Protein backbone atom coordinates (compact mmCIF):
# COMPACT_ATOMS: atom_id res chain seq x y z
CA MET A 1 85.42 65.60 133.08
CA ALA A 2 83.79 65.66 136.53
CA ASP A 3 83.61 62.50 138.62
CA GLN A 4 80.24 60.78 138.69
CA ASP A 5 78.57 58.52 141.22
CA ARG A 6 77.30 55.06 140.33
CA LEU A 7 73.96 56.51 139.16
CA GLY A 8 75.67 58.84 136.68
CA ARG A 9 75.18 62.03 138.70
CA GLU A 10 78.06 64.45 139.11
CA TRP A 11 79.88 63.75 142.38
CA VAL A 12 80.18 66.73 144.73
CA PRO A 13 82.54 66.32 147.73
CA TYR A 14 80.27 68.23 150.14
CA PRO A 15 76.56 68.39 151.04
CA LYS A 16 74.52 70.54 148.64
CA ASP A 17 73.17 72.75 151.45
CA TRP A 18 76.71 74.02 152.11
CA GLU A 19 76.44 76.10 148.92
CA SER A 20 73.65 78.21 150.41
CA GLN A 21 75.54 78.80 153.66
CA ALA A 22 79.07 79.55 152.50
CA GLU A 23 81.36 80.44 149.65
CA LEU A 24 83.29 77.25 148.84
CA ARG A 25 86.61 76.47 147.21
CA VAL A 26 87.51 72.91 146.23
CA LEU A 27 91.16 72.05 145.72
CA ARG A 28 92.09 68.75 144.09
CA ALA A 29 95.48 67.06 143.99
CA LYS A 30 96.93 63.86 142.57
CA PRO A 31 98.79 61.61 145.06
CA GLY A 32 102.19 63.12 144.17
CA GLU A 33 100.88 66.60 145.04
CA TRP A 34 99.35 65.76 148.44
CA ASP A 35 102.24 67.43 150.23
CA LYS A 36 100.85 70.78 148.98
CA LEU A 37 97.85 70.63 151.36
CA PRO A 38 99.66 72.27 154.34
CA THR A 39 100.72 75.17 152.09
CA TRP A 40 97.21 75.52 150.64
CA ARG A 41 95.72 75.44 154.13
CA ALA A 42 98.08 78.11 155.48
CA ASP A 43 97.42 80.35 152.47
CA MET A 44 93.64 79.95 152.60
CA THR A 45 93.54 80.42 156.40
CA ARG A 46 95.54 83.64 156.08
CA LYS A 47 92.85 84.85 153.64
CA GLY A 48 90.04 84.01 156.09
CA TRP A 49 88.98 80.60 154.73
CA GLN A 50 88.47 77.51 156.91
CA LEU A 51 89.28 73.93 155.99
CA LEU A 52 85.92 72.14 156.14
CA ARG A 53 86.66 68.67 154.84
CA VAL A 54 89.40 66.55 153.33
CA HIS A 55 88.56 63.48 151.28
CA SER A 56 91.08 61.15 149.71
CA ASP A 57 91.16 57.94 147.77
CA SER A 58 93.89 56.25 145.76
CA ASN A 59 93.49 58.70 142.85
CA GLU A 60 92.93 62.11 144.38
CA LEU A 61 92.90 64.29 147.49
CA VAL A 62 90.06 66.81 147.73
CA ALA A 63 90.16 69.69 150.23
CA ILE A 64 87.08 71.87 150.72
CA PHE A 65 87.56 75.36 152.13
CA GLY A 66 84.69 77.62 153.10
CA LYS A 67 83.91 81.13 154.22
CA THR A 68 80.45 81.92 155.57
CA ARG A 69 78.52 84.39 153.48
CA ARG A 70 78.41 86.84 156.43
CA ALA A 71 82.23 86.85 156.54
CA ILE A 72 82.52 87.80 152.86
CA PRO A 73 82.77 91.58 152.45
CA SER A 74 80.29 93.11 150.05
CA ARG A 75 81.96 94.43 146.91
CA ASN A 76 79.22 97.02 146.38
CA ARG A 77 79.51 98.59 149.81
CA LYS A 78 81.67 101.71 150.21
CA GLU A 79 83.68 101.89 153.41
């Protein structure tokens, strides 16, 4: 089940307008898995993604990676 804010809305770890500007990937980890972030970051960076934000609390670490829509190659285009 998705996390919710105090008003019952689904909690999203980034501003809504980011969705129109970039392709986003959200990676979540429990405290015992936090040491995986450097590996995730290296792997995502190698694939052209940028780490945009990291949020953590006592229950979870959330890392948001993004790639601007201009940087995403079109799958329909022949090269």
